[in-house]
Amino acid sequence: MTRSTGTAGTPGTTRRPTPPDGLVIVDKPSGFTSHDVVAKMRGIAKTRRVGHAGTLDPMATGVLVLGIERATKLLGHLALTEKEYLGTIRLGQSTLTDDAEGEITSSADASRVPRAAVDAGIAKLSGAIMQVPSKVSAIKINGVRSYKRAREGEEFEIPARPVTVSSFTVYDVRDAVAENGTPVLDLVVSVVCSSGTYIRALARDLGADLGVGGHLTALRRTRVGPYKLDTAKTLDQLQQELTVMPVADAATAAFPRWDVDERRARLLLNGVRLDMPEEYAEAGPVAVFGPAGEPSSQTAGEPSSQSAGAAFLALVEAQKGKAKSLAVFA
């Protein structure tokens, strides 16, 4: 990690600090949209060039990966990585939004739902499944956000999408009574899943399968790809000291690494499609590093970022045995 510092000007001049260049792992607070966090970070980093690697619902907390300056070119590829969550599912009530922020639409006594039935329902929602996202979501239907259509009272259907739930585990089952007096069950769960999986849709579908309804009452994202909660900082902490992961370090953590010599580095940066080693044929995005001295990531007031004595050049992907450039960083 590096920390942002100002760049001093010459005597008698005022020089604007160079914006930091890398990833910021934020512990998002509840009540903030992902766009709210981006807006806050633009002020902290003093640059408009900030983006996020996938949204997190306003109710949810936890890991939100932001990119600043050149690191924004990594975000689209990071958004596709596996994610991990801790949450609480309430069985016995359904809501309009499939989470605690929506109006309750139905209630049923869930106190007699046996644990074996819960486990069987979870098994049906594990592995490669087809999932219908929540209607109050950012999914676009014919170019219009689903939540916008829902708020306007429009009747519409969202097609099911393939997602993968690698792990869906119940850690605790708690008897509770809802505010309207309905006996409910609260399940404390952990979920590891592919990008695009809606945890509140899992809660909805589990409750529907058990015949009592269900919704999500709490959610905390603990991991996005290799980036975990123990490295995340709150917005207040980042306001005090902006901690940035250099682009080269972020790429090393997230993607397979391919080191090339000076000649191939030069060819790659000149647009030549290099032959890729067979080991990367099915690897997806690959981070290419060249010899030290090549242009690399840089943070305000600090020397060029290197990873193990090499410079981060580009993200590439194998296409018919050749390296197709996805993003250039040198």
C-alpha atoms as a PDB file:
ATOM      1  CA  MET A   1       0.000   0.000   0.000  1.00  0.00           C
ATOM      2  CA  THR A   2       1.085   3.577  -0.620  1.00  0.00           C
ATOM      3  CA  ARG A   3      -0.307   6.747   0.841  1.00  0.00           C
ATOM      4  CA  SER A   4      -1.211   9.907  -0.991  1.00  0.00           C
ATOM      5  CA  THR A   5       0.956  12.941  -0.349  1.00  0.00           C
ATOM      6  CA  GLY A   6       1.013  16.374  -1.891  1.00  0.00           C
ATOM      7  CA  THR A   7       3.515  17.525  -4.509  1.00  0.00           C
ATOM      8  CA  ALA A   8       5.413  20.609  -3.461  1.00  0.00           C
ATOM      9  CA  GLY A   9       5.622  23.531  -5.866  1.00  0.00           C
ATOM     10  CA  THR A  10       8.545  25.880  -6.434  1.00  0.00           C
ATOM     11  CA  PRO A  11       8.756  28.983  -4.234  1.00  0.00           C
ATOM     12  CA  GLY A  12       6.124  31.536  -5.132  1.00  0.00           C
ATOM     13  CA  THR A  13       3.912  29.065  -7.004  1.00  0.00           C
ATOM     14  CA  THR A  14       0.952  26.904  -6.044  1.00  0.00           C
ATOM     15  CA  ARG A  15       0.951  23.470  -7.572  1.00  0.00           C
ATOM     16  CA  ARG A  16      -2.048  21.170  -7.379  1.00  0.00           C
ATOM     17  CA  PRO A  17      -1.203  17.766  -5.820  1.00  0.00           C
ATOM     18  CA  THR A  18      -1.048  14.907  -8.312  1.00  0.00           C
ATOM     19  CA  PRO A  19      -4.040  12.564  -7.790  1.00  0.00           C
ATOM     20  CA  PRO A  20      -3.092   9.109  -6.489  1.00  0.00           C
ATOM     21  CA  ASP A  21      -3.141   6.257  -8.973  1.00  0.00           C
ATOM     22  CA  GLY A  22      -4.382   2.827  -7.848  1.00  0.00           C
ATOM     23  CA  LEU A  23      -7.103   0.904  -6.041  1.00  0.00           C
ATOM     24  CA  VAL A  24      -8.808   1.870  -2.805  1.00  0.00           C
ATOM     25  CA  ILE A  25     -10.565  -0.847  -0.807  1.00  0.00           C
ATOM     26  CA  VAL A  26     -13.454   0.809   1.023  1.00  0.00           C
ATOM     27  CA  ASP A  27     -15.531  -0.566   3.896  1.00  0.00           C
ATOM     28  CA  LYS A  28     -18.830   0.883   2.665  1.00  0.00           C
ATOM     29  CA  PRO A  29     -21.223   2.141   5.347  1.00  0.00           C
ATOM     30  CA  SER A  30     -24.910   1.241   5.370  1.00  0.00           C
ATOM     31  CA  GLY A  31     -27.161   3.833   3.761  1.00  0.00           C
ATOM     32  CA  PHE A  32     -24.640   4.851   1.112  1.00  0.00           C
ATOM     33  CA  THR A  33     -25.076   3.867  -2.528  1.00  0.00           C
ATOM     34  CA  SER A  34     -21.951   2.825  -4.420  1.00  0.00           C
ATOM     35  CA  HIS A  35     -22.239   6.081  -6.366  1.00  0.00           C
ATOM     36  CA  ASP A  36     -22.325   8.019  -3.078  1.00  0.00           C
ATOM     37  CA  VAL A  37     -19.004   6.406  -2.145  1.00  0.00           C
ATOM     38  CA  VAL A  38     -17.515   7.252  -5.556  1.00  0.00           C
ATOM     39  CA  ALA A  39     -18.616  10.876  -5.143  1.00  0.00           C
ATOM     40  CA  LYS A  40     -17.035  11.000  -1.675  1.00  0.00           C
ATOM     41  CA  MET A  41     -13.793   9.518  -3.007  1.00  0.00           C
ATOM     42  CA  ARG A  42     -13.625  12.094  -5.799  1.00  0.00           C
ATOM     43  CA  GLY A  43     -13.474  14.737  -3.105  1.00  0.00           C
ATOM     44  CA  ILE A  44     -10.921  12.858  -0.999  1.00  0.00           C
ATOM     45  CA  ALA A  45      -8.615  12.058  -3.951  1.00  0.00           C
ATOM     46  CA  LYS A  46      -9.272  15.411  -5.662  1.00  0.00           C
ATOM     47  CA  THR A  47      -9.977  13.877  -9.060  1.00  0.00           C
ATOM     48  CA  ARG A  48     -13.062  13.103 -11.136  1.00  0.00           C
ATOM     49  CA  ARG A  49     -11.499   9.904 -12.445  1.00  0.00           C
ATOM     50  CA  VAL A  50     -12.898   7.439  -9.911  1.00  0.00           C
ATOM     51  CA  GLY A  51     -15.010   4.322 -10.507  1.00  0.00           C
ATOM     52  CA  HIS A  52     -16.104   1.146  -8.754  1.00  0.00           C
ATOM     53  CA  ALA A  53     -15.791  -2.576  -9.553  1.00  0.00           C
ATOM     54  CA  GLY A  54     -19.442  -3.535  -9.089  1.00  0.00           C
ATOM     55  CA  THR A  55     -22.168  -2.032  -6.937  1.00  0.00           C
ATOM     56  CA  LEU A  56     -23.235  -2.844  -3.393  1.00  0.00           C
ATOM     57  CA  ASP A  57     -26.832  -2.231  -2.244  1.00  0.00           C
ATOM     58  CA  PRO A  58     -27.371   0.797   0.047  1.00  0.00           C
ATOM     59  CA  MET A  59     -28.409  -1.434   2.981  1.00  0.00           C
ATOM     60  CA  ALA A  60     -25.244  -3.550   2.657  1.00  0.00           C
ATOM     61  CA  THR A  61     -21.833  -2.810   4.135  1.00  0.00           C
ATOM     62  CA  GLY A  62     -18.334  -4.056   3.432  1.00  0.00           C
ATOM     63  CA  VAL A  63     -15.852  -4.333   0.606  1.00  0.00           C
ATOM     64  CA  LEU A  64     -16.276  -1.909  -2.293  1.00  0.00           C
ATOM     65  CA  VAL A  65     -13.331  -1.729  -4.687  1.00  0.00           C
ATOM     66  CA  LEU A  66     -12.661   1.714  -6.158  1.00  0.00           C
ATOM     67  CA  GLY A  67     -10.190   2.657  -8.866  1.00  0.00           C
ATOM     68  CA  ILE A  68      -8.509   6.053  -9.116  1.00  0.00           C
ATOM     69  CA  GLU A  69      -6.928   7.472 -12.277  1.00  0.00           C
ATOM     70  CA  ARG A  70      -5.299   4.705 -14.387  1.00  0.00           C
ATOM     71  CA  ALA A  71      -6.632   1.992 -12.083  1.00  0.00           C
ATOM     72  CA  THR A  72     -10.133   2.647 -13.451  1.00  0.00           C
ATOM     73  CA  LYS A  73      -9.019   0.560 -16.454  1.00  0.00           C
ATOM     74  CA  LEU A  74      -8.828  -2.486 -14.160  1.00  0.00           C
ATOM     75  CA  LEU A  75     -12.347  -2.164 -12.793  1.00  0.00           C
ATOM     76  CA  GLY A  76     -14.333  -3.851 -15.545  1.00  0.00           C
ATOM     77  CA  HIS A  77     -12.178  -6.940 -15.204  1.00  0.00           C
ATOM     78  CA  LEU A  78     -12.232  -6.943 -11.393  1.00  0.00           C
ATOM     79  CA  ALA A  79     -16.046  -6.694 -11.452  1.00  0.00           C
ATOM     80  CA  LEU A  80     -16.193 -10.240 -12.828  1.00  0.00           C
ATOM     81  CA  THR A  81     -14.399 -11.843  -9.886  1.00  0.00           C
ATOM     82  CA  GLU A  82     -15.885 -14.032  -7.139  1.00  0.00           C
ATOM     83  CA  LYS A  83     -17.460 -12.373  -4.093  1.00  0.00           C
ATOM     84  CA  GLU A  84     -18.085 -13.438  -0.506  1.00  0.00           C
ATOM     85  CA  TYR A  85     -20.799 -12.280   1.921  1.00  0.00           C
ATOM     86  CA  LEU A  86     -22.105 -12.658   5.468  1.00  0.00           C
ATOM     87  CA  GLY A  87     -25.807 -12.025   5.875  1.00  0.00           C
ATOM     88  CA  THR A  88     -29.048 -12.649   7.738  1.00  0.00           C
ATOM     89  CA  ILE A  89     -32.085 -14.124   5.988  1.00  0.00           C
ATOM     90  CA  ARG A  90     -35.488 -13.788   7.679  1.00  0.00           C
ATOM     91  CA  LEU A  91     -37.909 -16.620   6.898  1.00  0.00           C
ATOM     92  CA  GLY A  92     -41.590 -15.781   7.438  1.00  0.00           C
ATOM     93  CA  GLN A  93     -41.861 -12.438   5.663  1.00  0.00           C
ATOM     94  CA  SER A  94     -41.572 -11.289   2.056  1.00  0.00           C
ATOM     95  CA  THR A  95     -40.912  -7.667   1.078  1.00  0.00           C
ATOM     96  CA  LEU A  96     -41.286  -5.589  -2.058  1.00  0.00           C
ATOM     97  CA  THR A  97     -37.512  -5.233  -2.439  1.00  0.00           C
ATOM     98  CA  ASP A  98     -36.498  -8.681  -1.094  1.00  0.00           C
ATOM     99  CA  ASP A  99     -34.648  -6.907   1.730  1.00  0.00           C
ATOM    100  CA  ALA A 100     -35.433  -5.021   4.938  1.00  0.00           C
ATOM    101  CA  GLU A 101     -35.803  -1.674   3.150  1.00  0.00           C
ATOM    102  CA  GLY A 102     -38.975  -2.692   1.336  1.00  0.00           C
ATOM    103  CA  GLU A 103     -42.613  -2.847   2.414  1.00  0.00           C
ATOM    104  CA  ILE A 104     -43.726  -6.214   3.835  1.00  0.00           C
ATOM    105  CA  THR A 105     -45.959  -7.937   1.282  1.00  0.00           C
ATOM    106  CA  SER A 106     -46.753 -11.185   3.126  1.00  0.00           C
ATOM    107  CA  SER A 107     -46.210 -12.911   6.483  1.00  0.00           C
ATOM    108  CA  ALA A 108     -46.374 -16.550   7.561  1.00  0.00           C
ATOM    109  CA  ASP A 109     -45.478 -18.487  10.695  1.00  0.00           C
ATOM    110  CA  ALA A 110     -41.987 -19.899  10.066  1.00  0.00           C
ATOM    111  CA  SER A 111     -41.412 -21.329  13.526  1.00  0.00           C
ATOM    112  CA  ARG A 112     -42.240 -24.880  12.428  1.00  0.00           C
ATOM    113  CA  VAL A 113     -39.941 -24.961   9.408  1.00  0.00           C
ATOM    114  CA  PRO A 114     -37.543 -27.859  10.131  1.00  0.00           C
ATOM    115  CA  ARG A 115     -33.786 -27.456   9.726  1.00  0.00           C
ATOM    116  CA  ALA A 116     -33.743 -30.330   7.241  1.00  0.00           C
ATOM    117  CA  ALA A 117     -36.114 -28.378   4.984  1.00  0.00           C
ATOM    118  CA  VAL A 118     -33.886 -25.285   5.247  1.00  0.00           C
ATOM    119  CA  ASP A 119     -30.836 -27.337   4.282  1.00  0.00           C
ATOM    120  CA  ALA A 120     -32.687 -28.895   1.351  1.00  0.00           C
ATOM    121  CA  GLY A 121     -33.783 -25.459   0.140  1.00  0.00           C
ATOM    122  CA  ILE A 122     -30.241 -24.142   0.346  1.00  0.00           C
ATOM    123  CA  ALA A 123     -28.952 -27.162  -1.595  1.00  0.00           C
ATOM    124  CA  LYS A 124     -31.331 -26.244  -4.443  1.00  0.00           C
ATOM    125  CA  LEU A 125     -29.826 -22.735  -4.520  1.00  0.00           C
ATOM    126  CA  SER A 126     -26.209 -23.927  -4.564  1.00  0.00           C
ATOM    127  CA  GLY A 127     -23.954 -24.616  -7.537  1.00  0.00           C
ATOM    128  CA  ALA A 128     -24.763 -23.423 -11.051  1.00  0.00           C
ATOM    129  CA  ILE A 129     -28.326 -22.061 -10.928  1.00  0.00           C
ATOM    130  CA  MET A 130     -30.642 -19.771 -12.871  1.00  0.00           C
ATOM    131  CA  GLN A 131     -31.573 -16.699 -10.826  1.00  0.00           C
ATOM    132  CA  VAL A 132     -34.138 -13.976 -11.429  1.00  0.00           C
ATOM    133  CA  PRO A 133     -32.710 -10.693 -10.051  1.00  0.00           C
ATOM    134  CA  SER A 134     -34.815  -8.596  -7.692  1.00  0.00           C
ATOM    135  CA  LYS A 135     -37.146  -6.200  -9.485  1.00  0.00           C
ATOM    136  CA  VAL A 136     -35.787  -3.319  -7.425  1.00  0.00           C
ATOM    137  CA  SER A 137     -32.292  -3.699  -8.879  1.00  0.00           C
ATOM    138  CA  ALA A 138     -30.036  -1.908 -11.335  1.00  0.00           C
ATOM    139  CA  ILE A 139     -30.644  -4.480 -14.098  1.00  0.00           C
ATOM    140  CA  LYS A 140     -31.603  -2.776 -17.369  1.00  0.00           C
ATOM    141  CA  ILE A 141     -34.761  -3.936 -19.163  1.00  0.00           C
ATOM    142  CA  ASN A 142     -34.880  -2.474 -22.685  1.00  0.00           C
ATOM    143  CA  GLY A 143     -32.490   0.269 -21.586  1.00  0.00           C
ATOM    144  CA  VAL A 144     -34.408   1.261 -18.431  1.00  0.00           C
ATOM    145  CA  ARG A 145     -33.280   0.368 -14.897  1.00  0.00           C
ATOM    146  CA  SER A 146     -35.466  -2.270 -13.276  1.00  0.00           C
ATOM    147  CA  TYR A 147     -35.884  -0.252 -10.057  1.00  0.00           C
ATOM    148  CA  LYS A 148     -37.205   2.697 -12.079  1.00  0.00           C
ATOM    149  CA  ARG A 149     -39.845   0.541 -13.748  1.00  0.00           C
ATOM    150  CA  ALA A 150     -40.797  -0.974 -10.364  1.00  0.00           C
ATOM    151  CA  ARG A 151     -41.153   2.415  -8.668  1.00  0.00           C
ATOM    152  CA  GLU A 152     -43.435   3.590 -11.475  1.00  0.00           C
ATOM    153  CA  GLY A 153     -45.699   0.594 -10.876  1.00  0.00           C
ATOM    154  CA  GLU A 154     -44.951  -1.026 -14.216  1.00  0.00           C
ATOM    155  CA  GLU A 155     -45.601  -4.747 -14.692  1.00  0.00           C
ATOM    156  CA  PHE A 156     -42.578  -6.485 -16.204  1.00  0.00           C
ATOM    157  CA  GLU A 157     -40.512  -9.629 -16.014  1.00  0.00           C
ATOM    158  CA  ILE A 158     -36.747 -10.006 -15.615  1.00  0.00           C
ATOM    159  CA  PRO A 159     -35.302 -13.037 -17.396  1.00  0.00           C
ATOM    160  CA  ALA A 160     -33.393 -15.545 -15.260  1.00  0.00           C
ATOM    161  CA  ARG A 161     -29.602 -15.439 -15.534  1.00  0.00           C
ATOM    162  CA  PRO A 162     -26.979 -18.105 -14.876  1.00  0.00           C
ATOM    163  CA  VAL A 163     -24.997 -17.567 -11.666  1.00  0.00           C
ATOM    164  CA  THR A 164     -22.797 -19.804  -9.545  1.00  0.00           C
ATOM    165  CA  VAL A 165     -23.183 -20.152  -5.777  1.00  0.00           C
ATOM    166  CA  SER A 166     -19.969 -21.912  -4.759  1.00  0.00           C
ATOM    167  CA  SER A 167     -20.845 -22.023  -1.072  1.00  0.00           C
ATOM    168  CA  PHE A 168     -24.083 -21.329   0.833  1.00  0.00           C
ATOM    169  CA  THR A 169     -23.703 -22.132   4.529  1.00  0.00           C
ATOM    170  CA  VAL A 170     -25.998 -21.616   7.537  1.00  0.00           C
ATOM    171  CA  TYR A 171     -24.060 -20.760  10.700  1.00  0.00           C
ATOM    172  CA  ASP A 172     -26.948 -20.123  13.054  1.00  0.00           C
ATOM    173  CA  VAL A 173     -30.755 -20.384  13.194  1.00  0.00           C
ATOM    174  CA  ARG A 174     -32.519 -17.996  15.566  1.00  0.00           C
ATOM    175  CA  ASP A 175     -36.180 -17.935  16.591  1.00  0.00           C
ATOM    176  CA  ALA A 176     -37.570 -14.410  16.533  1.00  0.00           C
ATOM    177  CA  VAL A 177     -40.835 -12.479  16.447  1.00  0.00           C
ATOM    178  CA  ALA A 178     -41.350  -9.810  13.781  1.00  0.00           C
ATOM    179  CA  GLU A 179     -42.765  -6.389  14.622  1.00  0.00           C
ATOM    180  CA  ASN A 180     -46.209  -7.479  13.459  1.00  0.00           C
ATOM    181  CA  GLY A 181     -46.102 -10.475  15.828  1.00  0.00           C
ATOM    182  CA  THR A 182     -45.287 -13.130  13.211  1.00  0.00           C
ATOM    183  CA  PRO A 183     -42.998 -15.930  14.449  1.00  0.00           C
ATOM    184  CA  VAL A 184     -39.995 -15.944  12.112  1.00  0.00           C
ATOM    185  CA  LEU A 185     -36.634 -17.653  11.711  1.00  0.00           C
ATOM    186  CA  ASP A 186     -33.440 -15.653  11.202  1.00  0.00           C
ATOM    187  CA  LEU A 187     -30.667 -17.545   9.400  1.00  0.00           C
ATOM    188  CA  VAL A 188     -27.090 -16.290   9.707  1.00  0.00           C
ATOM    189  CA  VAL A 189     -25.443 -17.351   6.446  1.00  0.00           C
ATOM    190  CA  SER A 190     -22.281 -17.025   4.411  1.00  0.00           C
ATOM    191  CA  VAL A 191     -22.305 -17.064   0.608  1.00  0.00           C
ATOM    192  CA  VAL A 192     -19.486 -17.329  -1.920  1.00  0.00           C
ATOM    193  CA  CYS A 193     -20.754 -16.614  -5.418  1.00  0.00           C
ATOM    194  CA  SER A 194     -20.045 -15.392  -8.905  1.00  0.00           C
ATOM    195  CA  SER A 195     -20.397 -11.805 -10.011  1.00  0.00           C
ATOM    196  CA  GLY A 196     -24.006 -10.829 -10.694  1.00  0.00           C
ATOM    197  CA  THR A 197     -25.504 -12.994  -7.929  1.00  0.00           C
ATOM    198  CA  TYR A 198     -28.154 -11.247  -5.801  1.00  0.00           C
ATOM    199  CA  ILE A 199     -28.057 -12.377  -2.170  1.00  0.00           C
ATOM    200  CA  ARG A 200     -31.499 -10.904  -1.531  1.00  0.00           C
ATOM    201  CA  ALA A 201     -32.820 -12.984  -4.430  1.00  0.00           C
ATOM    202  CA  LEU A 202     -31.397 -16.072  -2.684  1.00  0.00           C
ATOM    203  CA  ALA A 203     -33.306 -15.033   0.456  1.00  0.00           C
ATOM    204  CA  ARG A 204     -36.502 -14.498  -1.561  1.00  0.00           C
ATOM    205  CA  ASP A 205     -36.202 -17.836  -3.368  1.00  0.00           C
ATOM    206  CA  LEU A 206     -35.369 -19.794  -0.214  1.00  0.00           C
ATOM    207  CA  GLY A 207     -38.444 -18.386   1.542  1.00  0.00           C
ATOM    208  CA  ALA A 208     -40.643 -19.099  -1.479  1.00  0.00           C
ATOM    209  CA  ASP A 209     -39.394 -22.692  -1.692  1.00  0.00           C
ATOM    210  CA  LEU A 210     -40.207 -23.215   1.997  1.00  0.00           C
ATOM    211  CA  GLY A 211     -43.661 -21.682   1.571  1.00  0.00           C
ATOM    212  CA  VAL A 212     -43.233 -18.941   4.178  1.00  0.00           C
ATOM    213  CA  GLY A 213     -41.541 -16.127   2.258  1.00  0.00           C
ATOM    214  CA  GLY A 214     -38.147 -14.644   2.973  1.00  0.00           C
ATOM    215  CA  HIS A 215     -36.045 -11.525   2.722  1.00  0.00           C
ATOM    216  CA  LEU A 216     -32.581 -10.258   3.589  1.00  0.00           C
ATOM    217  CA  THR A 217     -32.234  -8.237   6.800  1.00  0.00           C
ATOM    218  CA  ALA A 218     -28.458  -7.676   6.891  1.00  0.00           C
ATOM    219  CA  LEU A 219     -25.565  -8.062   4.445  1.00  0.00           C
ATOM    220  CA  ARG A 220     -21.829  -7.511   4.681  1.00  0.00           C
ATOM    221  CA  ARG A 221     -19.489  -8.166   1.758  1.00  0.00           C
ATOM    222  CA  THR A 222     -16.247  -9.596   3.077  1.00  0.00           C
ATOM    223  CA  ARG A 223     -14.344 -10.199  -0.162  1.00  0.00           C
ATOM    224  CA  VAL A 224     -14.196  -9.144  -3.811  1.00  0.00           C
ATOM    225  CA  GLY A 225     -11.765 -11.403  -5.647  1.00  0.00           C
ATOM    226  CA  PRO A 226      -8.487 -11.221  -3.690  1.00  0.00           C
ATOM    227  CA  TYR A 227      -9.423  -8.031  -1.833  1.00  0.00           C
ATOM    228  CA  LYS A 228     -10.664  -8.730   1.691  1.00  0.00           C
ATOM    229  CA  LEU A 229     -12.339  -6.796   4.471  1.00  0.00           C
ATOM    230  CA  ASP A 230      -9.196  -6.788   6.626  1.00  0.00           C
ATOM    231  CA  THR A 231      -7.534  -4.436   4.097  1.00  0.00           C
ATOM    232  CA  ALA A 232     -10.557  -2.138   3.720  1.00  0.00           C
ATOM    233  CA  LYS A 233     -10.743   1.352   5.215  1.00  0.00           C
ATOM    234  CA  THR A 234     -13.780   3.365   6.245  1.00  0.00           C
ATOM    235  CA  LEU A 235     -14.484   6.675   4.523  1.00  0.00           C
ATOM    236  CA  ASP A 236     -13.540   8.505   7.728  1.00  0.00           C
ATOM    237  CA  GLN A 237     -10.171   6.705   7.811  1.00  0.00           C
ATOM    238  CA  LEU A 238      -9.571   7.490   4.131  1.00  0.00           C
ATOM    239  CA  GLN A 239     -10.441  11.125   4.754  1.00  0.00           C
ATOM    240  CA  GLN A 240      -7.656  11.227   7.335  1.00  0.00           C
ATOM    241  CA  GLU A 241      -5.150   9.244   5.270  1.00  0.00           C
ATOM    242  CA  LEU A 242      -5.813   8.058   1.723  1.00  0.00           C
ATOM    243  CA  THR A 243      -4.377   4.544   1.442  1.00  0.00           C
ATOM    244  CA  VAL A 244      -3.912   3.407  -2.154  1.00  0.00           C
ATOM    245  CA  MET A 245      -2.889   0.043  -3.602  1.00  0.00           C
ATOM    246  CA  PRO A 246      -0.633   0.744  -6.619  1.00  0.00           C
ATOM    247  CA  VAL A 247      -1.900  -0.534  -9.965  1.00  0.00           C
ATOM    248  CA  ALA A 248       0.956  -3.051 -10.293  1.00  0.00           C
ATOM    249  CA  ASP A 249       0.255  -4.548  -6.865  1.00  0.00           C
ATOM    250  CA  ALA A 250      -3.485  -4.696  -7.585  1.00  0.00           C
ATOM    251  CA  ALA A 251      -2.869  -6.513 -10.874  1.00  0.00           C
ATOM    252  CA  THR A 252      -0.479  -8.975  -9.229  1.00  0.00           C
ATOM    253  CA  ALA A 253      -3.087  -9.814  -6.587  1.00  0.00           C
ATOM    254  CA  ALA A 254      -5.973 -10.243  -9.022  1.00  0.00           C
ATOM    255  CA  PHE A 255      -4.599 -11.819 -12.203  1.00  0.00           C
ATOM    256  CA  PRO A 256      -2.110 -14.451 -13.387  1.00  0.00           C
ATOM    257  CA  ARG A 257       1.265 -12.866 -14.068  1.00  0.00           C
ATOM    258  CA  TRP A 258       3.302 -13.133 -17.290  1.00  0.00           C
ATOM    259  CA  ASP A 259       6.821 -11.689 -17.294  1.00  0.00           C
ATOM    260  CA  VAL A 260       8.304 -10.759 -20.680  1.00  0.00           C
ATOM    261  CA  ASP A 261      11.755  -9.579 -21.717  1.00  0.00           C
ATOM    262  CA  GLU A 262      12.579  -6.091 -22.990  1.00  0.00           C
ATOM    263  CA  ARG A 263      12.163  -7.011 -26.680  1.00  0.00           C
ATOM    264  CA  ARG A 264       8.690  -8.527 -26.186  1.00  0.00           C
ATOM    265  CA  ALA A 265       7.678  -5.688 -23.892  1.00  0.00           C
ATOM    266  CA  ARG A 266       8.527  -3.207 -26.643  1.00  0.00           C
ATOM    267  CA  LEU A 267       6.644  -5.240 -29.269  1.00  0.00           C
ATOM    268  CA  LEU A 268       3.599  -5.522 -27.029  1.00  0.00           C
ATOM    269  CA  LEU A 269       3.496  -1.783 -26.378  1.00  0.00           C
ATOM    270  CA  ASN A 270       3.769  -1.173 -30.131  1.00  0.00           C
ATOM    271  CA  GLY A 271       0.606  -3.169 -30.732  1.00  0.00           C
ATOM    272  CA  VAL A 272       2.164  -6.477 -31.815  1.00  0.00           C
ATOM    273  CA  ARG A 273       0.152  -9.535 -30.720  1.00  0.00           C
ATOM    274  CA  LEU A 274       2.669 -11.797 -29.034  1.00  0.00           C
ATOM    275  CA  ASP A 275       2.416 -15.575 -28.876  1.00  0.00           C
ATOM    276  CA  MET A 276       1.076 -16.477 -25.428  1.00  0.00           C
ATOM    277  CA  PRO A 277       2.320 -19.457 -23.423  1.00  0.00           C
ATOM    278  CA  GLU A 278      -0.177 -22.339 -23.352  1.00  0.00           C
ATOM    279  CA  GLU A 279      -0.544 -22.030 -19.580  1.00  0.00           C
ATOM    280  CA  TYR A 280      -2.518 -18.801 -20.092  1.00  0.00           C
ATOM    281  CA  ALA A 281      -4.821 -20.144 -22.826  1.00  0.00           C
ATOM    282  CA  GLU A 282      -7.844 -20.390 -20.499  1.00  0.00           C
ATOM    283  CA  ALA A 283      -6.679 -17.977 -17.794  1.00  0.00           C
ATOM    284  CA  GLY A 284      -8.809 -14.979 -18.732  1.00  0.00           C
ATOM    285  CA  PRO A 285      -7.120 -11.600 -18.181  1.00  0.00           C
ATOM    286  CA  VAL A 286      -3.359 -11.868 -17.600  1.00  0.00           C
ATOM    287  CA  ALA A 287      -1.120  -9.123 -16.157  1.00  0.00           C
ATOM    288  CA  VAL A 288       1.999  -8.576 -18.254  1.00  0.00           C
ATOM    289  CA  PHE A 289       5.150  -7.283 -16.588  1.00  0.00           C
ATOM    290  CA  GLY A 290       8.323  -6.086 -18.277  1.00  0.00           C
ATOM    291  CA  PRO A 291      11.825  -5.293 -17.057  1.00  0.00           C
ATOM    292  CA  ALA A 292      12.281  -2.627 -14.395  1.00  0.00           C
ATOM    293  CA  GLY A 293      12.511   0.820 -15.910  1.00  0.00           C
ATOM    294  CA  GLU A 294       9.440   0.448 -18.092  1.00  0.00           C
ATOM    295  CA  PRO A 295       6.636   2.917 -17.261  1.00  0.00           C
ATOM    296  CA  SER A 296       4.538   1.743 -14.325  1.00  0.00           C
ATOM    297  CA  SER A 297       1.958   2.891 -11.807  1.00  0.00           C
ATOM    298  CA  GLN A 298       2.787   6.017  -9.813  1.00  0.00           C
ATOM    299  CA  THR A 299       1.248   7.588  -6.745  1.00  0.00           C
ATOM    300  CA  ALA A 300       1.394  11.229  -5.805  1.00  0.00           C
ATOM    301  CA  GLY A 301       4.851  12.244  -4.590  1.00  0.00           C
ATOM    302  CA  GLU A 302       6.250   8.712  -4.801  1.00  0.00           C
ATOM    303  CA  PRO A 303       8.494   6.794  -7.222  1.00  0.00           C
ATOM    304  CA  SER A 304       7.101   4.535  -9.931  1.00  0.00           C
ATOM    305  CA  SER A 305       5.377   1.445  -8.556  1.00  0.00           C
ATOM    306  CA  GLN A 306       7.209  -1.791  -9.276  1.00  0.00           C
ATOM    307  CA  SER A 307       6.177  -5.341  -8.489  1.00  0.00           C
ATOM    308  CA  ALA A 308       9.075  -7.703  -7.737  1.00  0.00           C
ATOM    309  CA  GLY A 309      11.504  -5.522  -9.721  1.00  0.00           C
ATOM    310  CA  ALA A 310       9.317  -5.365 -12.820  1.00  0.00           C
ATOM    311  CA  ALA A 311       6.920  -2.852 -14.347  1.00  0.00           C
ATOM    312  CA  PHE A 312       3.238  -3.487 -15.062  1.00  0.00           C
ATOM    313  CA  LEU A 313       2.662  -3.042 -18.789  1.00  0.00           C
ATOM    314  CA  ALA A 314      -0.795  -4.301 -19.740  1.00  0.00           C
ATOM    315  CA  LEU A 315      -3.706  -6.638 -19.243  1.00  0.00           C
ATOM    316  CA  VAL A 316      -4.029  -9.133 -22.087  1.00  0.00           C
ATOM    317  CA  GLU A 317      -6.134 -12.163 -22.923  1.00  0.00           C
ATOM    318  CA  ALA A 318      -5.382 -15.167 -25.119  1.00  0.00           C
ATOM    319  CA  GLN A 319      -7.169 -15.116 -28.468  1.00  0.00           C
ATOM    320  CA  LYS A 320      -6.230 -17.883 -30.897  1.00  0.00           C
ATOM    321  CA  GLY A 321      -2.915 -18.246 -29.111  1.00  0.00           C
ATOM    322  CA  LYS A 322      -2.079 -14.538 -29.351  1.00  0.00           C
ATOM    323  CA  ALA A 323      -2.111 -11.832 -26.687  1.00  0.00           C
ATOM    324  CA  LYS A 324      -5.090  -9.557 -27.240  1.00  0.00           C
ATOM    325  CA  SER A 325      -4.635  -6.287 -25.367  1.00  0.00           C
ATOM    326  CA  LEU A 326      -7.424  -5.416 -22.897  1.00  0.00           C
ATOM    327  CA  ALA A 327      -5.831  -2.343 -21.290  1.00  0.00           C
ATOM    328  CA  VAL A 328      -2.377  -0.743 -21.505  1.00  0.00           C
ATOM    329  CA  PHE A 329      -0.789   0.798 -18.432  1.00  0.00           C
ATOM    330  CA  ALA A 330       2.687   1.743 -19.662  1.00  0.00           C
END
